[in-house]
């Protein structure tokens, strides 16, 4: 059996590895730059020389990325125009779209998953459709959504809805169908009705599996929204990344990648905490 390692040891090793990687990056990297948004004059001159000579824009160092990160975080929620908004505003737009698409998917997937899990007939009838549609990339739906809905924001929400639907639906159906028969027999013996059995027996037993599906869905939704916003443009962290690429703001792109990862981690931990609240042990 594997020995339990204290948390502080793992945290210390992780910090050491991070420091080594950043130190090696800082020392080995040349004079870097952020592209369109400049932190210091020397760096601006280097980027300008690279552009004039037709060379490649130098990649920024961790110290320059840190300086740019501090600049962005000093005022993350400013709005100065359609294409000039703080990174906090862009992340908020993306989170709003994810919340709407994820919430709509939960409203559809959990009740439908309950029905599929409780009815072998319905499960057999819908399973071919689910297995055909589930592997389709959510972004493949974007052209059809833009053509039919004719609104980029709603189309992005629809794509989040599609990608969030399947993990929740399948996990809910699996959790409901896996409830122990003896528990259902006890409920039947006590003459509990269908609704009472569903809410007092099946739902608590299947809740950990349902939350696992929701946890998987939120990770996929946050992954897909970045790509969707690159396609539809306008607002959001995905659009912000694409806009910075057009400006050759490499430091901004690295910062966006870091913040996308941190927000994804927070979303996963949030649903993980909820899953632990509903977990049970025999």
C-alpha atoms as a PDB file:
ATOM      1  CA  UNK A   1       0.000   0.000   0.000  1.00  0.00           C
ATOM      2  CA  UNK A   2       1.323   3.444  -0.949  1.00  0.00           C
ATOM      3  CA  UNK A   3       2.585   5.576   1.938  1.00  0.00           C
ATOM      4  CA  UNK A   4       0.702   8.809   2.647  1.00  0.00           C
ATOM      5  CA  UNK A   5       2.902  11.835   1.925  1.00  0.00           C
ATOM      6  CA  UNK A   6       2.426  15.042   3.982  1.00  0.00           C
ATOM      7  CA  UNK A   7       0.951  17.924   1.989  1.00  0.00           C
ATOM      8  CA  UNK A   8       3.786  20.316   2.835  1.00  0.00           C
ATOM      9  CA  UNK A   9       6.333  17.974   1.258  1.00  0.00           C
ATOM     10  CA  UNK A  10       4.404  17.820  -2.020  1.00  0.00           C
ATOM     11  CA  UNK A  11       3.897  21.599  -1.981  1.00  0.00           C
ATOM     12  CA  UNK A  12       7.591  22.202  -1.306  1.00  0.00           C
ATOM     13  CA  UNK A  13       8.658  19.901  -4.152  1.00  0.00           C
ATOM     14  CA  UNK A  14       6.161  21.558  -6.520  1.00  0.00           C
ATOM     15  CA  UNK A  15       7.468  25.027  -5.593  1.00  0.00           C
ATOM     16  CA  UNK A  16      11.052  23.847  -6.100  1.00  0.00           C
ATOM     17  CA  UNK A  17      10.286  22.408  -9.536  1.00  0.00           C
ATOM     18  CA  UNK A  18       8.500  25.624 -10.523  1.00  0.00           C
ATOM     19  CA  UNK A  19      11.422  27.753  -9.354  1.00  0.00           C
ATOM     20  CA  UNK A  20      13.913  25.596 -11.281  1.00  0.00           C
ATOM     21  CA  UNK A  21      11.861  25.757 -14.483  1.00  0.00           C
ATOM     22  CA  UNK A  22      11.322  29.527 -14.245  1.00  0.00           C
ATOM     23  CA  UNK A  23      14.986  30.092 -13.402  1.00  0.00           C
ATOM     24  CA  UNK A  24      16.148  28.033 -16.362  1.00  0.00           C
ATOM     25  CA  UNK A  25      13.680  29.878 -18.616  1.00  0.00           C
ATOM     26  CA  UNK A  26      14.870  33.277 -17.340  1.00  0.00           C
ATOM     27  CA  UNK A  27      18.559  32.472 -17.768  1.00  0.00           C
ATOM     28  CA  UNK A  28      18.359  30.664 -21.112  1.00  0.00           C
ATOM     29  CA  UNK A  29      15.843  33.013 -22.721  1.00  0.00           C
ATOM     30  CA  UNK A  30      17.039  35.851 -24.863  1.00  0.00           C
ATOM     31  CA  UNK A  31      15.723  39.372 -24.644  1.00  0.00           C
ATOM     32  CA  UNK A  32      11.997  38.851 -24.867  1.00  0.00           C
ATOM     33  CA  UNK A  33       9.035  41.019 -25.535  1.00  0.00           C
ATOM     34  CA  UNK A  34       5.316  41.225 -25.174  1.00  0.00           C
ATOM     35  CA  UNK A  35       4.636  42.364 -28.682  1.00  0.00           C
ATOM     36  CA  UNK A  36       2.085  45.161 -29.019  1.00  0.00           C
ATOM     37  CA  UNK A  37       1.968  46.089 -25.324  1.00  0.00           C
ATOM     38  CA  UNK A  38       5.414  47.013 -24.059  1.00  0.00           C
ATOM     39  CA  UNK A  39       6.767  46.966 -20.525  1.00  0.00           C
ATOM     40  CA  UNK A  40      10.200  48.565 -20.914  1.00  0.00           C
ATOM     41  CA  UNK A  41      11.955  50.597 -23.653  1.00  0.00           C
ATOM     42  CA  UNK A  42      14.785  48.087 -24.195  1.00  0.00           C
ATOM     43  CA  UNK A  43      12.279  45.396 -24.849  1.00  0.00           C
ATOM     44  CA  UNK A  44      10.296  47.620 -27.198  1.00  0.00           C
ATOM     45  CA  UNK A  45      13.409  48.334 -29.214  1.00  0.00           C
ATOM     46  CA  UNK A  46      14.119  44.612 -29.561  1.00  0.00           C
ATOM     47  CA  UNK A  47      10.601  43.891 -30.787  1.00  0.00           C
ATOM     48  CA  UNK A  48      10.806  46.802 -33.208  1.00  0.00           C
ATOM     49  CA  UNK A  49      14.154  45.619 -34.566  1.00  0.00           C
ATOM     50  CA  UNK A  50      12.754  42.115 -35.065  1.00  0.00           C
ATOM     51  CA  UNK A  51       9.760  43.485 -36.940  1.00  0.00           C
ATOM     52  CA  UNK A  52      11.845  45.771 -39.175  1.00  0.00           C
ATOM     53  CA  UNK A  53      14.332  43.052 -40.025  1.00  0.00           C
ATOM     54  CA  UNK A  54      11.591  40.549 -40.782  1.00  0.00           C
ATOM     55  CA  UNK A  55      12.770  38.372 -37.922  1.00  0.00           C
ATOM     56  CA  UNK A  56      10.744  36.539 -35.366  1.00  0.00           C
ATOM     57  CA  UNK A  57       9.368  38.392 -32.331  1.00  0.00           C
ATOM     58  CA  UNK A  58      11.472  37.330 -29.311  1.00  0.00           C
ATOM     59  CA  UNK A  59       9.760  35.209 -26.679  1.00  0.00           C
ATOM     60  CA  UNK A  60       9.316  36.986 -23.312  1.00  0.00           C
ATOM     61  CA  UNK A  61      11.104  36.039 -20.117  1.00  0.00           C
ATOM     62  CA  UNK A  62       9.229  35.132 -16.893  1.00  0.00           C
ATOM     63  CA  UNK A  63      10.235  38.475 -15.369  1.00  0.00           C
ATOM     64  CA  UNK A  64       8.693  40.364 -18.296  1.00  0.00           C
ATOM     65  CA  UNK A  65       5.585  38.192 -18.171  1.00  0.00           C
ATOM     66  CA  UNK A  66       5.308  38.889 -14.443  1.00  0.00           C
ATOM     67  CA  UNK A  67       5.604  42.639 -15.016  1.00  0.00           C
ATOM     68  CA  UNK A  68       2.890  42.482 -17.669  1.00  0.00           C
ATOM     69  CA  UNK A  69       0.693  40.351 -15.400  1.00  0.00           C
ATOM     70  CA  UNK A  70       0.962  42.949 -12.650  1.00  0.00           C
ATOM     71  CA  UNK A  71       0.035  45.647 -15.161  1.00  0.00           C
ATOM     72  CA  UNK A  72      -3.065  43.712 -16.236  1.00  0.00           C
ATOM     73  CA  UNK A  73      -4.170  42.863 -12.698  1.00  0.00           C
ATOM     74  CA  UNK A  74      -3.882  46.435 -11.422  1.00  0.00           C
ATOM     75  CA  UNK A  75      -7.077  47.276 -13.340  1.00  0.00           C
ATOM     76  CA  UNK A  76      -8.643  44.061 -14.687  1.00  0.00           C
ATOM     77  CA  UNK A  77     -12.200  45.371 -15.086  1.00  0.00           C
ATOM     78  CA  UNK A  78     -11.782  48.529 -17.153  1.00  0.00           C
ATOM     79  CA  UNK A  79     -13.925  49.128 -20.260  1.00  0.00           C
ATOM     80  CA  UNK A  80     -12.626  51.738 -22.683  1.00  0.00           C
ATOM     81  CA  UNK A  81     -14.271  50.481 -25.847  1.00  0.00           C
ATOM     82  CA  UNK A  82     -15.482  47.412 -27.707  1.00  0.00           C
ATOM     83  CA  UNK A  83     -11.986  46.077 -28.323  1.00  0.00           C
ATOM     84  CA  UNK A  84     -10.324  47.529 -25.216  1.00  0.00           C
ATOM     85  CA  UNK A  85     -11.560  45.785 -22.064  1.00  0.00           C
ATOM     86  CA  UNK A  86      -9.724  44.399 -19.052  1.00  0.00           C
ATOM     87  CA  UNK A  87      -8.823  40.749 -18.759  1.00  0.00           C
ATOM     88  CA  UNK A  88     -11.162  40.393 -15.779  1.00  0.00           C
ATOM     89  CA  UNK A  89     -14.070  41.541 -17.943  1.00  0.00           C
ATOM     90  CA  UNK A  90     -13.119  39.039 -20.642  1.00  0.00           C
ATOM     91  CA  UNK A  91     -12.985  36.153 -18.149  1.00  0.00           C
ATOM     92  CA  UNK A  92     -16.351  37.265 -16.732  1.00  0.00           C
ATOM     93  CA  UNK A  93     -17.921  37.102 -20.209  1.00  0.00           C
ATOM     94  CA  UNK A  94     -16.568  33.575 -20.690  1.00  0.00           C
ATOM     95  CA  UNK A  95     -17.749  32.438 -17.243  1.00  0.00           C
ATOM     96  CA  UNK A  96     -21.222  33.809 -17.933  1.00  0.00           C
ATOM     97  CA  UNK A  97     -21.483  31.864 -21.197  1.00  0.00           C
ATOM     98  CA  UNK A  98     -20.203  28.703 -19.510  1.00  0.00           C
ATOM     99  CA  UNK A  99     -22.672  29.120 -16.633  1.00  0.00           C
ATOM    100  CA  UNK A 100     -25.631  29.544 -18.977  1.00  0.00           C
ATOM    101  CA  UNK A 101     -24.723  26.635 -21.257  1.00  0.00           C
ATOM    102  CA  UNK A 102     -23.785  24.387 -18.345  1.00  0.00           C
ATOM    103  CA  UNK A 103     -26.964  25.255 -16.436  1.00  0.00           C
ATOM    104  CA  UNK A 104     -29.198  24.525 -19.433  1.00  0.00           C
ATOM    105  CA  UNK A 105     -27.392  21.218 -19.970  1.00  0.00           C
ATOM    106  CA  UNK A 106     -27.964  20.256 -16.325  1.00  0.00           C
ATOM    107  CA  UNK A 107     -31.683  21.061 -16.611  1.00  0.00           C
ATOM    108  CA  UNK A 108     -31.936  18.673 -19.572  1.00  0.00           C
ATOM    109  CA  UNK A 109     -29.342  15.992 -18.776  1.00  0.00           C
ATOM    110  CA  UNK A 110     -30.195  15.190 -15.161  1.00  0.00           C
ATOM    111  CA  UNK A 111     -33.970  14.593 -15.581  1.00  0.00           C
ATOM    112  CA  UNK A 112     -33.424  12.764 -18.874  1.00  0.00           C
ATOM    113  CA  UNK A 113     -30.630  10.708 -17.322  1.00  0.00           C
ATOM    114  CA  UNK A 114     -33.004   9.756 -14.505  1.00  0.00           C
ATOM    115  CA  UNK A 115     -35.571   8.503 -17.012  1.00  0.00           C
ATOM    116  CA  UNK A 116     -32.964   6.578 -18.999  1.00  0.00           C
ATOM    117  CA  UNK A 117     -31.513   5.021 -15.865  1.00  0.00           C
ATOM    118  CA  UNK A 118     -34.929   3.924 -14.581  1.00  0.00           C
ATOM    119  CA  UNK A 119     -36.262   2.630 -17.906  1.00  0.00           C
ATOM    120  CA  UNK A 120     -34.336  -0.105 -19.779  1.00  0.00           C
ATOM    121  CA  UNK A 121     -36.681   0.393 -22.738  1.00  0.00           C
ATOM    122  CA  UNK A 122     -35.906   4.098 -23.010  1.00  0.00           C
ATOM    123  CA  UNK A 123     -32.204   3.409 -22.490  1.00  0.00           C
ATOM    124  CA  UNK A 124     -32.108   0.940 -25.355  1.00  0.00           C
ATOM    125  CA  UNK A 125     -34.047   3.289 -27.634  1.00  0.00           C
ATOM    126  CA  UNK A 126     -31.934   6.402 -27.004  1.00  0.00           C
ATOM    127  CA  UNK A 127     -28.515   4.769 -26.669  1.00  0.00           C
ATOM    128  CA  UNK A 128     -27.790   4.627 -30.458  1.00  0.00           C
ATOM    129  CA  UNK A 129     -28.525   8.346 -30.819  1.00  0.00           C
ATOM    130  CA  UNK A 130     -26.370   9.213 -27.815  1.00  0.00           C
ATOM    131  CA  UNK A 131     -23.445   7.109 -29.017  1.00  0.00           C
ATOM    132  CA  UNK A 132     -23.566   8.725 -32.485  1.00  0.00           C
ATOM    133  CA  UNK A 133     -23.831  12.342 -31.281  1.00  0.00           C
ATOM    134  CA  UNK A 134     -21.513  12.108 -28.262  1.00  0.00           C
ATOM    135  CA  UNK A 135     -18.179  11.797 -30.195  1.00  0.00           C
ATOM    136  CA  UNK A 136     -18.978  14.789 -32.447  1.00  0.00           C
ATOM    137  CA  UNK A 137     -16.762  17.750 -31.620  1.00  0.00           C
ATOM    138  CA  UNK A 138     -18.834  20.571 -30.097  1.00  0.00           C
ATOM    139  CA  UNK A 139     -17.194  23.057 -32.465  1.00  0.00           C
ATOM    140  CA  UNK A 140     -18.635  21.113 -35.401  1.00  0.00           C
ATOM    141  CA  UNK A 141     -22.038  22.442 -34.297  1.00  0.00           C
ATOM    142  CA  UNK A 142     -20.893  26.062 -34.455  1.00  0.00           C
ATOM    143  CA  UNK A 143     -21.567  26.685 -38.197  1.00  0.00           C
ATOM    144  CA  UNK A 144     -25.083  25.257 -37.888  1.00  0.00           C
ATOM    145  CA  UNK A 145     -25.690  27.275 -34.737  1.00  0.00           C
ATOM    146  CA  UNK A 146     -24.526  30.500 -36.394  1.00  0.00           C
ATOM    147  CA  UNK A 147     -26.688  29.785 -39.453  1.00  0.00           C
ATOM    148  CA  UNK A 148     -29.864  28.979 -37.523  1.00  0.00           C
ATOM    149  CA  UNK A 149     -29.541  31.181 -34.424  1.00  0.00           C
ATOM    150  CA  UNK A 150     -27.752  34.076 -36.178  1.00  0.00           C
ATOM    151  CA  UNK A 151     -26.255  35.321 -32.912  1.00  0.00           C
ATOM    152  CA  UNK A 152     -22.662  34.635 -31.948  1.00  0.00           C
ATOM    153  CA  UNK A 153     -23.195  34.818 -28.176  1.00  0.00           C
ATOM    154  CA  UNK A 154     -26.169  32.453 -28.163  1.00  0.00           C
ATOM    155  CA  UNK A 155     -24.319  30.155 -30.566  1.00  0.00           C
ATOM    156  CA  UNK A 156     -21.391  29.938 -28.130  1.00  0.00           C
ATOM    157  CA  UNK A 157     -23.813  29.127 -25.292  1.00  0.00           C
ATOM    158  CA  UNK A 158     -25.388  26.423 -27.462  1.00  0.00           C
ATOM    159  CA  UNK A 159     -21.969  24.865 -28.075  1.00  0.00           C
ATOM    160  CA  UNK A 160     -21.336  24.814 -24.306  1.00  0.00           C
ATOM    161  CA  UNK A 161     -24.748  23.214 -23.843  1.00  0.00           C
ATOM    162  CA  UNK A 162     -23.909  20.447 -26.318  1.00  0.00           C
ATOM    163  CA  UNK A 163     -20.485  19.634 -24.852  1.00  0.00           C
ATOM    164  CA  UNK A 164     -21.794  19.691 -21.268  1.00  0.00           C
ATOM    165  CA  UNK A 165     -24.809  17.507 -22.006  1.00  0.00           C
ATOM    166  CA  UNK A 166     -23.255  14.099 -22.618  1.00  0.00           C
ATOM    167  CA  UNK A 167     -21.080  13.549 -19.500  1.00  0.00           C
ATOM    168  CA  UNK A 168     -23.927  14.590 -17.201  1.00  0.00           C
ATOM    169  CA  UNK A 169     -26.491  12.524 -19.101  1.00  0.00           C
ATOM    170  CA  UNK A 170     -24.418   9.336 -19.161  1.00  0.00           C
ATOM    171  CA  UNK A 171     -23.223   9.622 -15.560  1.00  0.00           C
ATOM    172  CA  UNK A 172     -26.734  10.318 -14.299  1.00  0.00           C
ATOM    173  CA  UNK A 173     -28.128   7.349 -16.194  1.00  0.00           C
ATOM    174  CA  UNK A 174     -25.323   5.119 -14.919  1.00  0.00           C
ATOM    175  CA  UNK A 175     -25.735   6.295 -11.330  1.00  0.00           C
ATOM    176  CA  UNK A 176     -29.494   5.748 -11.361  1.00  0.00           C
ATOM    177  CA  UNK A 177     -29.275   2.320 -12.979  1.00  0.00           C
ATOM    178  CA  UNK A 178     -26.587   1.248 -10.487  1.00  0.00           C
ATOM    179  CA  UNK A 179     -28.673   1.861  -7.370  1.00  0.00           C
ATOM    180  CA  UNK A 180     -28.814  -1.354  -5.364  1.00  0.00           C
ATOM    181  CA  UNK A 181     -31.896  -3.457  -5.972  1.00  0.00           C
ATOM    182  CA  UNK A 182     -32.299  -4.210  -2.270  1.00  0.00           C
ATOM    183  CA  UNK A 183     -32.681  -0.509  -1.494  1.00  0.00           C
ATOM    184  CA  UNK A 184     -35.430  -0.239  -4.089  1.00  0.00           C
ATOM    185  CA  UNK A 185     -37.038  -3.381  -2.707  1.00  0.00           C
ATOM    186  CA  UNK A 186     -37.055  -1.860   0.784  1.00  0.00           C
ATOM    187  CA  UNK A 187     -38.712   1.283  -0.567  1.00  0.00           C
ATOM    188  CA  UNK A 188     -41.281  -0.869  -2.338  1.00  0.00           C
ATOM    189  CA  UNK A 189     -41.886  -2.844   0.843  1.00  0.00           C
ATOM    190  CA  UNK A 190     -42.490   0.387   2.736  1.00  0.00           C
ATOM    191  CA  UNK A 191     -44.965   1.353  -0.028  1.00  0.00           C
ATOM    192  CA  UNK A 192     -43.033   4.451  -1.018  1.00  0.00           C
ATOM    193  CA  UNK A 193     -44.387   6.029  -4.196  1.00  0.00           C
ATOM    194  CA  UNK A 194     -42.407   6.588  -7.379  1.00  0.00           C
ATOM    195  CA  UNK A 195     -41.571  10.206  -6.609  1.00  0.00           C
ATOM    196  CA  UNK A 196     -40.666   9.492  -3.002  1.00  0.00           C
ATOM    197  CA  UNK A 197     -38.430   6.616  -4.061  1.00  0.00           C
ATOM    198  CA  UNK A 198     -36.779   8.808  -6.688  1.00  0.00           C
ATOM    199  CA  UNK A 199     -35.998  11.676  -4.296  1.00  0.00           C
ATOM    200  CA  UNK A 200     -35.377   9.762  -1.052  1.00  0.00           C
ATOM    201  CA  UNK A 201     -33.578   6.656  -2.355  1.00  0.00           C
ATOM    202  CA  UNK A 202     -32.349   6.985  -5.943  1.00  0.00           C
ATOM    203  CA  UNK A 203     -31.182  10.614  -5.917  1.00  0.00           C
ATOM    204  CA  UNK A 204     -29.015  10.368  -2.751  1.00  0.00           C
ATOM    205  CA  UNK A 205     -27.495   7.092  -3.983  1.00  0.00           C
ATOM    206  CA  UNK A 206     -26.745   8.436  -7.471  1.00  0.00           C
ATOM    207  CA  UNK A 207     -25.670  11.940  -6.362  1.00  0.00           C
ATOM    208  CA  UNK A 208     -21.886  11.222  -6.266  1.00  0.00           C
ATOM    209  CA  UNK A 209     -21.983   9.833  -9.801  1.00  0.00           C
ATOM    210  CA  UNK A 210     -24.099  12.763 -11.015  1.00  0.00           C
ATOM    211  CA  UNK A 211     -21.627  15.245  -9.506  1.00  0.00           C
ATOM    212  CA  UNK A 212     -18.765  13.400 -11.199  1.00  0.00           C
ATOM    213  CA  UNK A 213     -20.497  13.920 -14.538  1.00  0.00           C
ATOM    214  CA  UNK A 214     -21.016  17.607 -13.744  1.00  0.00           C
ATOM    215  CA  UNK A 215     -17.352  17.937 -12.804  1.00  0.00           C
ATOM    216  CA  UNK A 216     -16.297  16.422 -16.127  1.00  0.00           C
ATOM    217  CA  UNK A 217     -18.760  18.652 -17.986  1.00  0.00           C
ATOM    218  CA  UNK A 218     -17.549  21.913 -16.458  1.00  0.00           C
ATOM    219  CA  UNK A 219     -13.970  21.077 -17.432  1.00  0.00           C
ATOM    220  CA  UNK A 220     -14.978  20.370 -21.021  1.00  0.00           C
ATOM    221  CA  UNK A 221     -17.172  23.490 -21.136  1.00  0.00           C
ATOM    222  CA  UNK A 222     -14.342  25.747 -19.993  1.00  0.00           C
ATOM    223  CA  UNK A 223     -12.046  24.085 -22.534  1.00  0.00           C
ATOM    224  CA  UNK A 224     -14.481  24.555 -25.420  1.00  0.00           C
ATOM    225  CA  UNK A 225     -15.497  28.162 -24.680  1.00  0.00           C
ATOM    226  CA  UNK A 226     -11.968  29.383 -25.429  1.00  0.00           C
ATOM    227  CA  UNK A 227     -12.015  27.818 -28.888  1.00  0.00           C
ATOM    228  CA  UNK A 228     -15.605  28.928 -29.515  1.00  0.00           C
ATOM    229  CA  UNK A 229     -14.797  32.548 -28.671  1.00  0.00           C
ATOM    230  CA  UNK A 230     -11.834  32.455 -31.039  1.00  0.00           C
ATOM    231  CA  UNK A 231     -14.304  31.611 -33.811  1.00  0.00           C
ATOM    232  CA  UNK A 232     -17.138  34.016 -32.971  1.00  0.00           C
ATOM    233  CA  UNK A 233     -15.012  36.911 -31.668  1.00  0.00           C
ATOM    234  CA  UNK A 234     -16.344  39.920 -29.808  1.00  0.00           C
ATOM    235  CA  UNK A 235     -15.672  39.277 -26.130  1.00  0.00           C
ATOM    236  CA  UNK A 236     -14.349  36.548 -23.860  1.00  0.00           C
ATOM    237  CA  UNK A 237     -10.956  35.177 -22.925  1.00  0.00           C
ATOM    238  CA  UNK A 238     -10.758  33.128 -26.137  1.00  0.00           C
ATOM    239  CA  UNK A 239     -11.284  36.239 -28.258  1.00  0.00           C
ATOM    240  CA  UNK A 240      -8.747  38.071 -26.082  1.00  0.00           C
ATOM    241  CA  UNK A 241      -6.118  35.380 -26.768  1.00  0.00           C
ATOM    242  CA  UNK A 242      -6.740  35.562 -30.508  1.00  0.00           C
ATOM    243  CA  UNK A 243      -6.613  39.367 -30.451  1.00  0.00           C
ATOM    244  CA  UNK A 244      -3.280  39.318 -28.625  1.00  0.00           C
ATOM    245  CA  UNK A 245      -1.917  36.850 -31.167  1.00  0.00           C
ATOM    246  CA  UNK A 246      -2.855  39.275 -33.950  1.00  0.00           C
ATOM    247  CA  UNK A 247      -0.951  41.946 -32.012  1.00  0.00           C
ATOM    248  CA  UNK A 248       1.997  39.560 -31.400  1.00  0.00           C
ATOM    249  CA  UNK A 249       1.561  40.141 -27.653  1.00  0.00           C
ATOM    250  CA  UNK A 250       3.188  36.893 -26.604  1.00  0.00           C
ATOM    251  CA  UNK A 251       3.327  37.730 -22.897  1.00  0.00           C
ATOM    252  CA  UNK A 252      -0.408  38.408 -22.897  1.00  0.00           C
ATOM    253  CA  UNK A 253      -1.020  35.008 -24.489  1.00  0.00           C
ATOM    254  CA  UNK A 254       1.093  33.258 -21.827  1.00  0.00           C
ATOM    255  CA  UNK A 255      -0.789  35.146 -19.109  1.00  0.00           C
ATOM    256  CA  UNK A 256      -4.123  34.167 -20.636  1.00  0.00           C
ATOM    257  CA  UNK A 257      -3.065  30.506 -20.701  1.00  0.00           C
ATOM    258  CA  UNK A 258      -2.106  30.736 -17.031  1.00  0.00           C
ATOM    259  CA  UNK A 259      -5.396  32.394 -16.045  1.00  0.00           C
ATOM    260  CA  UNK A 260      -7.451  29.926 -18.093  1.00  0.00           C
ATOM    261  CA  UNK A 261      -5.768  27.091 -16.239  1.00  0.00           C
ATOM    262  CA  UNK A 262      -6.305  28.720 -12.831  1.00  0.00           C
ATOM    263  CA  UNK A 263      -9.999  29.385 -13.500  1.00  0.00           C
ATOM    264  CA  UNK A 264     -10.445  25.810 -14.730  1.00  0.00           C
ATOM    265  CA  UNK A 265      -8.768  24.561 -11.547  1.00  0.00           C
ATOM    266  CA  UNK A 266     -11.093  26.664  -9.369  1.00  0.00           C
ATOM    267  CA  UNK A 267     -14.195  25.406 -11.198  1.00  0.00           C
ATOM    268  CA  UNK A 268     -13.050  21.810 -10.796  1.00  0.00           C
ATOM    269  CA  UNK A 269     -12.272  22.283  -7.088  1.00  0.00           C
ATOM    270  CA  UNK A 270     -15.653  23.940  -6.523  1.00  0.00           C
ATOM    271  CA  UNK A 271     -17.589  21.014  -7.943  1.00  0.00           C
ATOM    272  CA  UNK A 272     -15.179  18.616  -6.237  1.00  0.00           C
ATOM    273  CA  UNK A 273     -16.091  20.181  -2.887  1.00  0.00           C
ATOM    274  CA  UNK A 274     -19.801  19.792  -3.657  1.00  0.00           C
ATOM    275  CA  UNK A 275     -19.175  16.163  -4.654  1.00  0.00           C
ATOM    276  CA  UNK A 276     -17.499  15.487  -1.304  1.00  0.00           C
ATOM    277  CA  UNK A 277     -20.534  16.917   0.503  1.00  0.00           C
ATOM    278  CA  UNK A 278     -22.885  14.400  -1.147  1.00  0.00           C
ATOM    279  CA  UNK A 279     -20.453  11.455  -1.000  1.00  0.00           C
ATOM    280  CA  UNK A 280     -21.338   8.581   1.286  1.00  0.00           C
ATOM    281  CA  UNK A 281     -19.636   5.432   2.513  1.00  0.00           C
ATOM    282  CA  UNK A 282     -21.231   2.139   3.367  1.00  0.00           C
END
